[in-house]
């Protein structure tokens, strides 16, 4: 079973998603954040579930889909999974993942 860790950047992204959605609907914001978190828990048992985006020396950056969001994560060679961020599907994810590389 893989250990799933959230980077501080990923936690910041979740906070921004929550803030944006909660301007209109707090309940919807809570549901989206809970759904993203729940989806990432699947990675404990299936760390290679998402599609491979890019290979790095540390491991593979993969993308997991949840609704309108793409969850970027790194499957490390040591078996851990680092959540890098959650991005709305309309965003150019490559721009953000270049910074994280």
PDB file of N, CA and C in Angstrom:
ATOM      1  N   UNK A   1       0.847  -1.174   0.000  1.00  0.00           N
ATOM      2  CA  UNK A   1       0.000   0.000   0.000  1.00  0.00           C
ATOM      3  C   UNK A   1       0.894   1.240   0.000  1.00  0.00           C
ATOM      4  N   UNK A   2       0.623   2.159  -0.908  1.00  0.00           N
ATOM      5  CA  UNK A   2       1.411   3.388  -1.024  1.00  0.00           C
ATOM      6  C   UNK A   2       0.976   4.412   0.022  1.00  0.00           C
ATOM      7  N   UNK A   3       1.909   5.232   0.418  1.00  0.00           N
ATOM      8  CA  UNK A   3       1.604   6.347   1.315  1.00  0.00           C
ATOM      9  C   UNK A   3       1.337   7.576   0.454  1.00  0.00           C
ATOM     10  N   UNK A   4       0.195   8.236   0.691  1.00  0.00           N
ATOM     11  CA  UNK A   4      -0.179   9.430  -0.069  1.00  0.00           C
ATOM     12  C   UNK A   4       0.116  10.657   0.781  1.00  0.00           C
ATOM     13  N   UNK A   5       0.938  11.554   0.219  1.00  0.00           N
ATOM     14  CA  UNK A   5       1.296  12.792   0.910  1.00  0.00           C
ATOM     15  C   UNK A   5       0.868  13.985   0.057  1.00  0.00           C
ATOM     16  N   UNK A   6       0.376  15.019   0.719  1.00  0.00           N
ATOM     17  CA  UNK A   6      -0.009  16.253   0.036  1.00  0.00           C
ATOM     18  C   UNK A   6       1.103  17.272   0.188  1.00  0.00           C
ATOM     19  N   UNK A   7       1.556  17.834  -0.917  1.00  0.00           N
ATOM     20  CA  UNK A   7       2.542  18.902  -0.841  1.00  0.00           C
ATOM     21  C   UNK A   7       1.848  20.177  -0.364  1.00  0.00           C
ATOM     22  N   UNK A   8       2.628  21.101   0.158  1.00  0.00           N
ATOM     23  CA  UNK A   8       2.041  22.375   0.599  1.00  0.00           C
ATOM     24  C   UNK A   8       1.427  23.115  -0.583  1.00  0.00           C
ATOM     25  N   UNK A   9       2.016  22.962  -1.750  1.00  0.00           N
ATOM     26  CA  UNK A   9       1.467  23.592  -2.963  1.00  0.00           C
ATOM     27  C   UNK A   9       0.089  23.003  -3.286  1.00  0.00           C
ATOM     28  N   UNK A  10      -0.050  21.694  -3.164  1.00  0.00           N
ATOM     29  CA  UNK A  10      -1.337  21.045  -3.436  1.00  0.00           C
ATOM     30  C   UNK A  10      -2.389  21.495  -2.428  1.00  0.00           C
ATOM     31  N   UNK A  11      -1.997  21.621  -1.173  1.00  0.00           N
ATOM     32  CA  UNK A  11      -2.942  22.107  -0.157  1.00  0.00           C
ATOM     33  C   UNK A  11      -3.369  23.536  -0.456  1.00  0.00           C
ATOM     34  N   UNK A  12      -2.433  24.348  -0.953  1.00  0.00           N
ATOM     35  CA  UNK A  12      -2.772  25.727  -1.326  1.00  0.00           C
ATOM     36  C   UNK A  12      -3.774  25.744  -2.483  1.00  0.00           C
ATOM     37  N   UNK A  13      -3.560  24.867  -3.462  1.00  0.00           N
ATOM     38  CA  UNK A  13      -4.493  24.776  -4.589  1.00  0.00           C
ATOM     39  C   UNK A  13      -5.897  24.398  -4.106  1.00  0.00           C
ATOM     40  N   UNK A  14      -5.974  23.444  -3.186  1.00  0.00           N
ATOM     41  CA  UNK A  14      -7.287  23.062  -2.650  1.00  0.00           C
ATOM     42  C   UNK A  14      -7.959  24.241  -1.977  1.00  0.00           C
ATOM     43  N   UNK A  15      -7.188  25.017  -1.225  1.00  0.00           N
ATOM     44  CA  UNK A  15      -7.733  26.202  -0.573  1.00  0.00           C
ATOM     45  C   UNK A  15      -8.258  27.219  -1.582  1.00  0.00           C
ATOM     46  N   UNK A  16      -7.544  27.391  -2.676  1.00  0.00           N
ATOM     47  CA  UNK A  16      -7.987  28.330  -3.709  1.00  0.00           C
ATOM     48  C   UNK A  16      -9.254  27.826  -4.402  1.00  0.00           C
ATOM     49  N   UNK A  17      -9.315  26.529  -4.655  1.00  0.00           N
ATOM     50  CA  UNK A  17     -10.522  25.956  -5.262  1.00  0.00           C
ATOM     51  C   UNK A  17     -11.710  26.174  -4.328  1.00  0.00           C
ATOM     52  N   UNK A  18     -11.498  25.881  -3.054  1.00  0.00           N
ATOM     53  CA  UNK A  18     -12.574  26.063  -2.074  1.00  0.00           C
ATOM     54  C   UNK A  18     -13.021  27.533  -2.024  1.00  0.00           C
ATOM     55  N   UNK A  19     -12.076  28.439  -1.947  1.00  0.00           N
ATOM     56  CA  UNK A  19     -12.407  29.867  -1.875  1.00  0.00           C
ATOM     57  C   UNK A  19     -13.208  30.324  -3.088  1.00  0.00           C
ATOM     58  N   UNK A  20     -12.809  29.878  -4.261  1.00  0.00           N
ATOM     59  CA  UNK A  20     -13.488  30.285  -5.490  1.00  0.00           C
ATOM     60  C   UNK A  20     -14.928  29.764  -5.527  1.00  0.00           C
ATOM     61  N   UNK A  21     -15.098  28.476  -5.270  1.00  0.00           N
ATOM     62  CA  UNK A  21     -16.438  27.886  -5.350  1.00  0.00           C
ATOM     63  C   UNK A  21     -17.338  28.399  -4.227  1.00  0.00           C
ATOM     64  N   UNK A  22     -16.767  28.571  -3.045  1.00  0.00           N
ATOM     65  CA  UNK A  22     -17.581  28.962  -1.888  1.00  0.00           C
ATOM     66  C   UNK A  22     -18.135  30.383  -1.996  1.00  0.00           C
ATOM     67  N   UNK A  23     -17.609  31.175  -2.903  1.00  0.00           N
ATOM     68  CA  UNK A  23     -18.179  32.502  -3.134  1.00  0.00           C
ATOM     69  C   UNK A  23     -19.643  32.399  -3.565  1.00  0.00           C
ATOM     70  N   UNK A  24     -19.961  31.324  -4.265  1.00  0.00           N
ATOM     71  CA  UNK A  24     -21.324  31.093  -4.734  1.00  0.00           C
ATOM     72  C   UNK A  24     -22.069  30.050  -3.917  1.00  0.00           C
ATOM     73  N   UNK A  25     -21.329  29.013  -3.443  1.00  0.00           N
ATOM     74  CA  UNK A  25     -22.012  27.903  -2.796  1.00  0.00           C
ATOM     75  C   UNK A  25     -21.042  27.150  -1.880  1.00  0.00           C
ATOM     76  N   UNK A  26     -21.165  27.377  -0.589  1.00  0.00           N
ATOM     77  CA  UNK A  26     -20.267  26.748   0.384  1.00  0.00           C
ATOM     78  C   UNK A  26     -20.422  25.226   0.371  1.00  0.00           C
ATOM     79  N   UNK A  27     -21.641  24.741   0.271  1.00  0.00           N
ATOM     80  CA  UNK A  27     -21.856  23.286   0.259  1.00  0.00           C
ATOM     81  C   UNK A  27     -21.202  22.638  -0.950  1.00  0.00           C
ATOM     82  N   UNK A  28     -21.322  23.279  -2.094  1.00  0.00           N
ATOM     83  CA  UNK A  28     -20.690  22.739  -3.304  1.00  0.00           C
ATOM     84  C   UNK A  28     -19.177  22.726  -3.152  1.00  0.00           C
ATOM     85  N   UNK A  29     -18.628  23.767  -2.564  1.00  0.00           N
ATOM     86  CA  UNK A  29     -17.181  23.843  -2.353  1.00  0.00           C
ATOM     87  C   UNK A  29     -16.720  22.703  -1.455  1.00  0.00           C
ATOM     88  N   UNK A  30     -17.458  22.453  -0.391  1.00  0.00           N
ATOM     89  CA  UNK A  30     -17.105  21.360   0.523  1.00  0.00           C
ATOM     90  C   UNK A  30     -17.167  20.015  -0.189  1.00  0.00           C
ATOM     91  N   UNK A  31     -18.178  19.830  -1.031  1.00  0.00           N
ATOM     92  CA  UNK A  31     -18.321  18.563  -1.753  1.00  0.00           C
ATOM     93  C   UNK A  31     -17.188  18.352  -2.741  1.00  0.00           C
ATOM     94  N   UNK A  32     -16.798  19.405  -3.445  1.00  0.00           N
ATOM     95  CA  UNK A  32     -15.709  19.280  -4.420  1.00  0.00           C
ATOM     96  C   UNK A  32     -14.403  18.926  -3.715  1.00  0.00           C
ATOM     97  N   UNK A  33     -14.091  19.637  -2.640  1.00  0.00           N
ATOM     98  CA  UNK A  33     -12.845  19.378  -1.915  1.00  0.00           C
ATOM     99  C   UNK A  33     -12.851  17.963  -1.337  1.00  0.00           C
ATOM    100  N   UNK A  34     -13.961  17.556  -0.752  1.00  0.00           N
ATOM    101  CA  UNK A  34     -14.066  16.199  -0.205  1.00  0.00           C
ATOM    102  C   UNK A  34     -13.923  15.158  -1.317  1.00  0.00           C
ATOM    103  N   UNK A  35     -14.513  15.437  -2.472  1.00  0.00           N
ATOM    104  CA  UNK A  35     -14.423  14.508  -3.596  1.00  0.00           C
ATOM    105  C   UNK A  35     -13.007  14.369  -4.128  1.00  0.00           C
ATOM    106  N   UNK A  36     -12.298  15.481  -4.230  1.00  0.00           N
ATOM    107  CA  UNK A  36     -10.903  15.438  -4.683  1.00  0.00           C
ATOM    108  C   UNK A  36     -10.070  14.631  -3.690  1.00  0.00           C
ATOM    109  N   UNK A  37     -10.245  14.917  -2.410  1.00  0.00           N
ATOM    110  CA  UNK A  37      -9.492  14.187  -1.387  1.00  0.00           C
ATOM    111  C   UNK A  37      -9.801  12.691  -1.439  1.00  0.00           C
ATOM    112  N   UNK A  38     -11.077  12.353  -1.539  1.00  0.00           N
ATOM    113  CA  UNK A  38     -11.477  10.943  -1.581  1.00  0.00           C
ATOM    114  C   UNK A  38     -10.884  10.244  -2.807  1.00  0.00           C
ATOM    115  N   UNK A  39     -10.878  10.928  -3.931  1.00  0.00           N
ATOM    116  CA  UNK A  39     -10.329  10.345  -5.157  1.00  0.00           C
ATOM    117  C   UNK A  39      -8.846  10.020  -4.982  1.00  0.00           C
ATOM    118  N   UNK A  40      -8.114  10.902  -4.296  1.00  0.00           N
ATOM    119  CA  UNK A  40      -6.686  10.645  -4.112  1.00  0.00           C
ATOM    120  C   UNK A  40      -6.425   9.460  -3.195  1.00  0.00           C
ATOM    121  N   UNK A  41      -7.361   9.122  -2.344  1.00  0.00           N
ATOM    122  CA  UNK A  41      -7.162   7.992  -1.434  1.00  0.00           C
ATOM    123  C   UNK A  41      -7.126   6.666  -2.184  1.00  0.00           C
ATOM    124  N   UNK A  42      -7.704   6.624  -3.376  1.00  0.00           N
ATOM    125  CA  UNK A  42      -7.643   5.423  -4.218  1.00  0.00           C
ATOM    126  C   UNK A  42      -6.192   5.100  -4.571  1.00  0.00           C
ATOM    127  N   UNK A  43      -5.349   6.156  -4.599  1.00  0.00           N
ATOM    128  CA  UNK A  43      -3.955   5.968  -4.985  1.00  0.00           C
ATOM    129  C   UNK A  43      -3.168   5.132  -3.980  1.00  0.00           C
ATOM    130  N   UNK A  44      -3.686   4.987  -2.775  1.00  0.00           N
ATOM    131  CA  UNK A  44      -3.022   4.120  -1.792  1.00  0.00           C
ATOM    132  C   UNK A  44      -2.924   2.695  -2.327  1.00  0.00           C
ATOM    133  N   UNK A  45      -3.993   2.245  -2.958  1.00  0.00           N
ATOM    134  CA  UNK A  45      -4.027   0.886  -3.487  1.00  0.00           C
ATOM    135  C   UNK A  45      -3.668   0.794  -4.966  1.00  0.00           C
ATOM    136  N   UNK A  46      -3.893   1.887  -5.699  1.00  0.00           N
ATOM    137  CA  UNK A  46      -3.660   1.885  -7.141  1.00  0.00           C
ATOM    138  C   UNK A  46      -2.886   3.132  -7.552  1.00  0.00           C
ATOM    139  N   UNK A  47      -1.606   3.236  -7.178  1.00  0.00           N
ATOM    140  CA  UNK A  47      -0.846   4.461  -7.429  1.00  0.00           C
ATOM    141  C   UNK A  47      -0.630   4.785  -8.906  1.00  0.00           C
ATOM    142  N   UNK A  48      -0.768   3.813  -9.767  1.00  0.00           N
ATOM    143  CA  UNK A  48      -0.568   4.061 -11.192  1.00  0.00           C
ATOM    144  C   UNK A  48      -1.893   4.197 -11.944  1.00  0.00           C
ATOM    145  N   UNK A  49      -2.938   4.508 -11.220  1.00  0.00           N
ATOM    146  CA  UNK A  49      -4.276   4.600 -11.801  1.00  0.00           C
ATOM    147  C   UNK A  49      -4.381   5.706 -12.860  1.00  0.00           C
ATOM    148  N   UNK A  50      -3.796   6.850 -12.604  1.00  0.00           N
ATOM    149  CA  UNK A  50      -3.878   7.968 -13.539  1.00  0.00           C
ATOM    150  C   UNK A  50      -2.982   7.752 -14.741  1.00  0.00           C
ATOM    151  N   UNK A  51      -3.200   8.588 -15.767  1.00  0.00           N
ATOM    152  CA  UNK A  51      -2.367   8.446 -16.953  1.00  0.00           C
ATOM    153  C   UNK A  51      -1.014   9.131 -16.738  1.00  0.00           C
ATOM    154  N   UNK A  52       0.012   8.571 -17.363  1.00  0.00           N
ATOM    155  CA  UNK A  52       1.361   9.104 -17.211  1.00  0.00           C
ATOM    156  C   UNK A  52       1.485  10.392 -18.007  1.00  0.00           C
ATOM    157  N   UNK A  53       1.896  11.451 -17.320  1.00  0.00           N
ATOM    158  CA  UNK A  53       2.096  12.753 -17.944  1.00  0.00           C
ATOM    159  C   UNK A  53       3.553  12.915 -18.376  1.00  0.00           C
ATOM    160  N   UNK A  54       4.460  12.536 -17.476  1.00  0.00           N
ATOM    161  CA  UNK A  54       5.881  12.731 -17.737  1.00  0.00           C
ATOM    162  C   UNK A  54       6.689  11.903 -16.734  1.00  0.00           C
ATOM    163  N   UNK A  55       7.876  11.477 -17.146  1.00  0.00           N
ATOM    164  CA  UNK A  55       8.778  10.757 -16.257  1.00  0.00           C
ATOM    165  C   UNK A  55       9.881  11.699 -15.784  1.00  0.00           C
ATOM    166  N   UNK A  56      10.120  11.673 -14.487  1.00  0.00           N
ATOM    167  CA  UNK A  56      11.170  12.478 -13.852  1.00  0.00           C
ATOM    168  C   UNK A  56      12.145  11.531 -13.163  1.00  0.00           C
ATOM    169  N   UNK A  57      13.323  12.004 -12.783  1.00  0.00           N
ATOM    170  CA  UNK A  57      14.265  11.122 -12.065  1.00  0.00           C
ATOM    171  C   UNK A  57      13.673  10.528 -10.781  1.00  0.00           C
ATOM    172  N   UNK A  58      12.768  11.270 -10.110  1.00  0.00           N
ATOM    173  CA  UNK A  58      12.165  10.803  -8.856  1.00  0.00           C
ATOM    174  C   UNK A  58      11.066   9.773  -9.073  1.00  0.00           C
ATOM    175  N   UNK A  59      10.490   9.749 -10.278  1.00  0.00           N
ATOM    176  CA  UNK A  59       9.378   8.855 -10.590  1.00  0.00           C
ATOM    177  C   UNK A  59       8.521   9.448 -11.692  1.00  0.00           C
ATOM    178  N   UNK A  60       7.286   8.982 -11.787  1.00  0.00           N
ATOM    179  CA  UNK A  60       6.377   9.445 -12.844  1.00  0.00           C
ATOM    180  C   UNK A  60       5.396  10.479 -12.313  1.00  0.00           C
ATOM    181  N   UNK A  61       5.203  11.534 -13.081  1.00  0.00           N
ATOM    182  CA  UNK A  61       4.111  12.461 -12.809  1.00  0.00           C
ATOM    183  C   UNK A  61       2.910  11.915 -13.556  1.00  0.00           C
ATOM    184  N   UNK A  62       1.834  11.742 -12.827  1.00  0.00           N
ATOM    185  CA  UNK A  62       0.616  11.165 -13.391  1.00  0.00           C
ATOM    186  C   UNK A  62      -0.546  12.106 -13.132  1.00  0.00           C
ATOM    187  N   UNK A  63      -1.623  11.919 -13.884  1.00  0.00           N
ATOM    188  CA  UNK A  63      -2.811  12.762 -13.771  1.00  0.00           C
ATOM    189  C   UNK A  63      -4.017  11.868 -13.508  1.00  0.00           C
ATOM    190  N   UNK A  64      -4.766  12.231 -12.480  1.00  0.00           N
ATOM    191  CA  UNK A  64      -5.992  11.539 -12.108  1.00  0.00           C
ATOM    192  C   UNK A  64      -7.140  12.520 -12.313  1.00  0.00           C
ATOM    193  N   UNK A  65      -8.211  12.078 -12.927  1.00  0.00           N
ATOM    194  CA  UNK A  65      -9.339  12.961 -13.215  1.00  0.00           C
ATOM    195  C   UNK A  65     -10.409  12.857 -12.137  1.00  0.00           C
ATOM    196  N   UNK A  66     -10.967  14.026 -11.799  1.00  0.00           N
ATOM    197  CA  UNK A  66     -12.121  14.094 -10.898  1.00  0.00           C
ATOM    198  C   UNK A  66     -13.003  15.236 -11.374  1.00  0.00           C
ATOM    199  N   UNK A  67     -14.135  14.903 -11.944  1.00  0.00           N
ATOM    200  CA  UNK A  67     -15.040  15.932 -12.463  1.00  0.00           C
ATOM    201  C   UNK A  67     -14.316  16.841 -13.441  1.00  0.00           C
ATOM    202  N   UNK A  68     -14.361  18.142 -13.172  1.00  0.00           N
ATOM    203  CA  UNK A  68     -13.700  19.123 -14.035  1.00  0.00           C
ATOM    204  C   UNK A  68     -12.246  19.347 -13.643  1.00  0.00           C
ATOM    205  N   UNK A  69     -11.731  18.543 -12.735  1.00  0.00           N
ATOM    206  CA  UNK A  69     -10.393  18.759 -12.191  1.00  0.00           C
ATOM    207  C   UNK A  69      -9.429  17.655 -12.581  1.00  0.00           C
ATOM    208  N   UNK A  70      -8.174  18.048 -12.706  1.00  0.00           N
ATOM    209  CA  UNK A  70      -7.078  17.114 -12.929  1.00  0.00           C
ATOM    210  C   UNK A  70      -6.184  17.180 -11.694  1.00  0.00           C
ATOM    211  N   UNK A  71      -5.936  16.041 -11.117  1.00  0.00           N
ATOM    212  CA  UNK A  71      -5.095  15.939  -9.922  1.00  0.00           C
ATOM    213  C   UNK A  71      -3.735  15.420 -10.380  1.00  0.00           C
ATOM    214  N   UNK A  72      -2.714  16.251 -10.218  1.00  0.00           N
ATOM    215  CA  UNK A  72      -1.358  15.867 -10.608  1.00  0.00           C
ATOM    216  C   UNK A  72      -0.652  15.269  -9.401  1.00  0.00           C
ATOM    217  N   UNK A  73       0.032  14.158  -9.624  1.00  0.00           N
ATOM    218  CA  UNK A  73       0.757  13.515  -8.536  1.00  0.00           C
ATOM    219  C   UNK A  73       2.010  12.835  -9.051  1.00  0.00           C
ATOM    220  N   UNK A  74       2.937  12.637  -8.136  1.00  0.00           N
ATOM    221  CA  UNK A  74       4.206  12.005  -8.444  1.00  0.00           C
ATOM    222  C   UNK A  74       4.258  10.651  -7.759  1.00  0.00           C
ATOM    223  N   UNK A  75       4.428   9.594  -8.554  1.00  0.00           N
ATOM    224  CA  UNK A  75       4.650   8.264  -7.980  1.00  0.00           C
ATOM    225  C   UNK A  75       6.156   8.116  -7.829  1.00  0.00           C
ATOM    226  N   UNK A  76       6.614   8.230  -6.618  1.00  0.00           N
ATOM    227  CA  UNK A  76       8.055   8.175  -6.339  1.00  0.00           C
ATOM    228  C   UNK A  76       8.575   6.748  -6.443  1.00  0.00           C
ATOM    229  N   UNK A  77       9.851   6.654  -6.751  1.00  0.00           N
ATOM    230  CA  UNK A  77      10.498   5.346  -6.875  1.00  0.00           C
ATOM    231  C   UNK A  77      10.485   4.567  -5.565  1.00  0.00           C
ATOM    232  N   UNK A  78      10.342   5.270  -4.426  1.00  0.00           N
ATOM    233  CA  UNK A  78      10.314   4.579  -3.134  1.00  0.00           C
ATOM    234  C   UNK A  78       8.916   4.101  -2.737  1.00  0.00           C
ATOM    235  N   UNK A  79       7.925   4.289  -3.629  1.00  0.00           N
ATOM    236  CA  UNK A  79       6.574   3.796  -3.368  1.00  0.00           C
ATOM    237  C   UNK A  79       5.613   4.815  -2.796  1.00  0.00           C
ATOM    238  N   UNK A  80       6.074   6.015  -2.482  1.00  0.00           N
ATOM    239  CA  UNK A  80       5.164   7.041  -1.981  1.00  0.00           C
ATOM    240  C   UNK A  80       4.549   7.815  -3.141  1.00  0.00           C
ATOM    241  N   UNK A  81       3.436   8.443  -2.850  1.00  0.00           N
ATOM    242  CA  UNK A  81       2.721   9.252  -3.830  1.00  0.00           C
ATOM    243  C   UNK A  81       2.619  10.671  -3.267  1.00  0.00           C
ATOM    244  N   UNK A  82       3.129  11.635  -4.017  1.00  0.00           N
ATOM    245  CA  UNK A  82       3.035  13.041  -3.621  1.00  0.00           C
ATOM    246  C   UNK A  82       2.006  13.734  -4.498  1.00  0.00           C
ATOM    247  N   UNK A  83       0.969  14.265  -3.866  1.00  0.00           N
ATOM    248  CA  UNK A  83      -0.022  15.042  -4.607  1.00  0.00           C
ATOM    249  C   UNK A  83       0.591  16.408  -4.870  1.00  0.00           C
ATOM    250  N   UNK A  84       0.679  16.777  -6.151  1.00  0.00           N
ATOM    251  CA  UNK A  84       1.318  18.034  -6.540  1.00  0.00           C
ATOM    252  C   UNK A  84       0.333  19.182  -6.658  1.00  0.00           C
ATOM    253  N   UNK A  85      -0.904  18.878  -7.023  1.00  0.00           N
ATOM    254  CA  UNK A  85      -1.899  19.937  -7.162  1.00  0.00           C
ATOM    255  C   UNK A  85      -3.160  19.432  -7.814  1.00  0.00           C
ATOM    256  N   UNK A  86      -4.213  20.226  -7.685  1.00  0.00           N
ATOM    257  CA  UNK A  86      -5.491  19.957  -8.360  1.00  0.00           C
ATOM    258  C   UNK A  86      -5.785  21.173  -9.220  1.00  0.00           C
ATOM    259  N   UNK A  87      -6.067  20.943 -10.480  1.00  0.00           N
ATOM    260  CA  UNK A  87      -6.208  22.017 -11.449  1.00  0.00           C
ATOM    261  C   UNK A  87      -7.522  21.877 -12.204  1.00  0.00           C
ATOM    262  N   UNK A  88      -8.192  22.986 -12.426  1.00  0.00           N
ATOM    263  CA  UNK A  88      -9.405  22.955 -13.237  1.00  0.00           C
ATOM    264  C   UNK A  88      -9.016  22.562 -14.651  1.00  0.00           C
ATOM    265  N   UNK A  89      -9.873  21.820 -15.308  1.00  0.00           N
ATOM    266  CA  UNK A  89      -9.596  21.321 -16.643  1.00  0.00           C
ATOM    267  C   UNK A  89      -9.332  22.404 -17.672  1.00  0.00           C
ATOM    268  N   UNK A  90      -9.824  23.625 -17.446  1.00  0.00           N
ATOM    269  CA  UNK A  90      -9.610  24.714 -18.392  1.00  0.00           C
ATOM    270  C   UNK A  90      -8.207  25.317 -18.281  1.00  0.00           C
ATOM    271  N   UNK A  91      -7.495  24.988 -17.210  1.00  0.00           N
ATOM    272  CA  UNK A  91      -6.156  25.551 -17.007  1.00  0.00           C
ATOM    273  C   UNK A  91      -5.128  24.794 -17.834  1.00  0.00           C
ATOM    274  N   UNK A  92      -4.077  25.498 -18.223  1.00  0.00           N
ATOM    275  CA  UNK A  92      -2.946  24.864 -18.913  1.00  0.00           C
ATOM    276  C   UNK A  92      -2.054  24.231 -17.855  1.00  0.00           C
ATOM    277  N   UNK A  93      -2.290  22.982 -17.589  1.00  0.00           N
ATOM    278  CA  UNK A  93      -1.598  22.278 -16.508  1.00  0.00           C
ATOM    279  C   UNK A  93      -0.092  22.225 -16.740  1.00  0.00           C
ATOM    280  N   UNK A  94       0.336  22.167 -17.992  1.00  0.00           N
ATOM    281  CA  UNK A  94       1.764  22.082 -18.283  1.00  0.00           C
ATOM    282  C   UNK A  94       2.519  23.294 -17.745  1.00  0.00           C
ATOM    283  N   UNK A  95       1.883  24.432 -17.753  1.00  0.00           N
ATOM    284  CA  UNK A  95       2.506  25.657 -17.231  1.00  0.00           C
ATOM    285  C   UNK A  95       2.833  25.512 -15.742  1.00  0.00           C
ATOM    286  N   UNK A  96       1.956  24.898 -14.984  1.00  0.00           N
ATOM    287  CA  UNK A  96       2.141  24.744 -13.561  1.00  0.00           C
ATOM    288  C   UNK A  96       3.071  23.589 -13.226  1.00  0.00           C
ATOM    289  N   UNK A  97       3.004  22.534 -13.991  1.00  0.00           N
ATOM    290  CA  UNK A  97       3.860  21.385 -13.709  1.00  0.00           C
ATOM    291  C   UNK A  97       5.310  21.648 -14.094  1.00  0.00           C
ATOM    292  N   UNK A  98       5.575  22.563 -15.003  1.00  0.00           N
ATOM    293  CA  UNK A  98       6.948  22.941 -15.313  1.00  0.00           C
ATOM    294  C   UNK A  98       7.597  23.574 -14.099  1.00  0.00           C
ATOM    295  N   UNK A  99       6.839  24.360 -13.358  1.00  0.00           N
ATOM    296  CA  UNK A  99       7.342  25.004 -12.150  1.00  0.00           C
ATOM    297  C   UNK A  99       7.655  23.959 -11.093  1.00  0.00           C
ATOM    298  N   UNK A 100       6.840  22.903 -11.031  1.00  0.00           N
ATOM    299  CA  UNK A 100       7.001  21.882 -10.001  1.00  0.00           C
ATOM    300  C   UNK A 100       8.123  20.899 -10.299  1.00  0.00           C
ATOM    301  N   UNK A 101       8.545  20.867 -11.542  1.00  0.00           N
ATOM    302  CA  UNK A 101       9.573  19.874 -11.934  1.00  0.00           C
ATOM    303  C   UNK A 101      10.934  20.210 -11.364  1.00  0.00           C
TER     304      UNK A 101
END
